[in-house]
Protein backbone atom coordinates (compact mmCIF):
# COMPACT_ATOMS: atom_id res chain seq x y z
CA UNK A 1 64.93 -21.36 -237.69
CA UNK A 2 68.20 -20.77 -235.93
CA UNK A 3 69.18 -23.63 -233.62
CA UNK A 4 70.70 -21.25 -231.05
CA UNK A 5 67.46 -19.25 -230.88
CA UNK A 6 65.39 -22.41 -230.50
CA UNK A 7 67.77 -23.53 -227.74
CA UNK A 8 67.24 -20.21 -225.94
CA UNK A 9 63.48 -20.81 -225.86
CA UNK A 10 63.98 -24.42 -224.73
CA UNK A 11 66.15 -23.06 -221.91
CA UNK A 12 63.20 -20.88 -220.82
CA UNK A 13 60.91 -23.93 -220.73
CA UNK A 14 63.32 -26.26 -218.90
CA UNK A 15 62.78 -24.96 -215.34
CA UNK A 16 59.05 -25.80 -215.54
CA UNK A 17 59.81 -29.37 -216.55
CA UNK A 18 62.62 -29.68 -214.02
CA UNK A 19 60.24 -28.61 -211.25
CA UNK A 20 58.27 -31.81 -211.97
CA UNK A 21 61.36 -34.03 -212.11
CA UNK A 22 61.76 -34.00 -215.88
CA UNK A 23 63.90 -32.26 -218.45
CA UNK A 24 64.08 -31.50 -222.15
CA UNK A 25 67.03 -31.56 -224.52
CA UNK A 26 67.13 -30.06 -228.01
CA UNK A 27 68.27 -32.72 -230.48
CA UNK A 28 67.86 -31.05 -233.88
CA UNK A 29 66.19 -28.25 -235.80
CA UNK A 30 65.38 -29.38 -239.32
CA UNK A 31 65.00 -27.11 -242.33
CA UNK A 32 61.42 -28.28 -242.93
CA UNK A 33 60.22 -26.71 -239.66
CA UNK A 34 60.45 -29.78 -237.44
CA UNK A 35 62.13 -29.52 -234.04
CA UNK A 36 63.33 -32.75 -232.42
CA UNK A 37 63.65 -32.91 -228.65
CA UNK A 38 64.34 -35.58 -226.08
CA UNK A 39 62.26 -35.69 -222.90
CA UNK A 40 64.17 -37.14 -219.97
CA UNK A 41 63.67 -37.83 -216.30
CA UNK A 42 60.05 -38.02 -215.18
CA UNK A 43 58.96 -36.63 -218.56
CA UNK A 44 60.50 -39.56 -220.40
CA UNK A 45 57.96 -42.08 -219.15
CA UNK A 46 55.06 -39.80 -218.27
CA UNK A 47 51.71 -40.57 -219.90
CA UNK A 48 51.11 -36.81 -220.23
CA UNK A 49 54.41 -36.21 -222.07
CA UNK A 50 52.75 -35.93 -225.48
CA UNK A 51 50.34 -33.29 -224.19
CA UNK A 52 53.22 -31.40 -222.59
CA UNK A 53 55.06 -31.53 -225.89
CA UNK A 54 52.11 -30.26 -227.94
CA UNK A 55 50.37 -27.85 -225.58
CA UNK A 56 53.44 -26.58 -223.76
CA UNK A 57 56.65 -26.84 -225.76
CA UNK A 58 55.23 -26.58 -229.28
CA UNK A 59 52.86 -23.75 -228.38
CA UNK A 60 55.67 -21.76 -226.79
CA UNK A 61 58.03 -22.28 -229.72
CA UNK A 62 55.35 -21.27 -232.24
CA UNK A 63 55.11 -17.88 -230.54
CA UNK A 64 58.68 -17.09 -231.61
CA UNK A 65 58.83 -19.29 -234.70
CA UNK A 66 55.56 -19.12 -236.65
CA UNK A 67 57.05 -21.28 -239.43
CA UNK A 68 57.44 -24.18 -236.96
CA UNK A 69 55.48 -27.20 -238.17
CA UNK A 70 55.95 -29.72 -235.40
CA UNK A 71 57.86 -30.64 -232.27
CA UNK A 72 58.57 -34.35 -231.96
CA UNK A 73 60.16 -36.43 -229.24
CA UNK A 74 62.95 -38.76 -230.29
């Protein structure tokens, strides 16, 4: 997975999170198919953050990157 291409998809997702007072930052794209992100703002302490990460961010990234294994928050 190309980090710039992953960043482009993250940039598409960001406005939805920002509308709720949160944000997302791409930290790393590892060769084993793991994408590391940092949730900030309201997303950083939200009890629904894990669901947002799995059902929103990971699902969207898997559309463009079928070899993606996991998105984790660091």
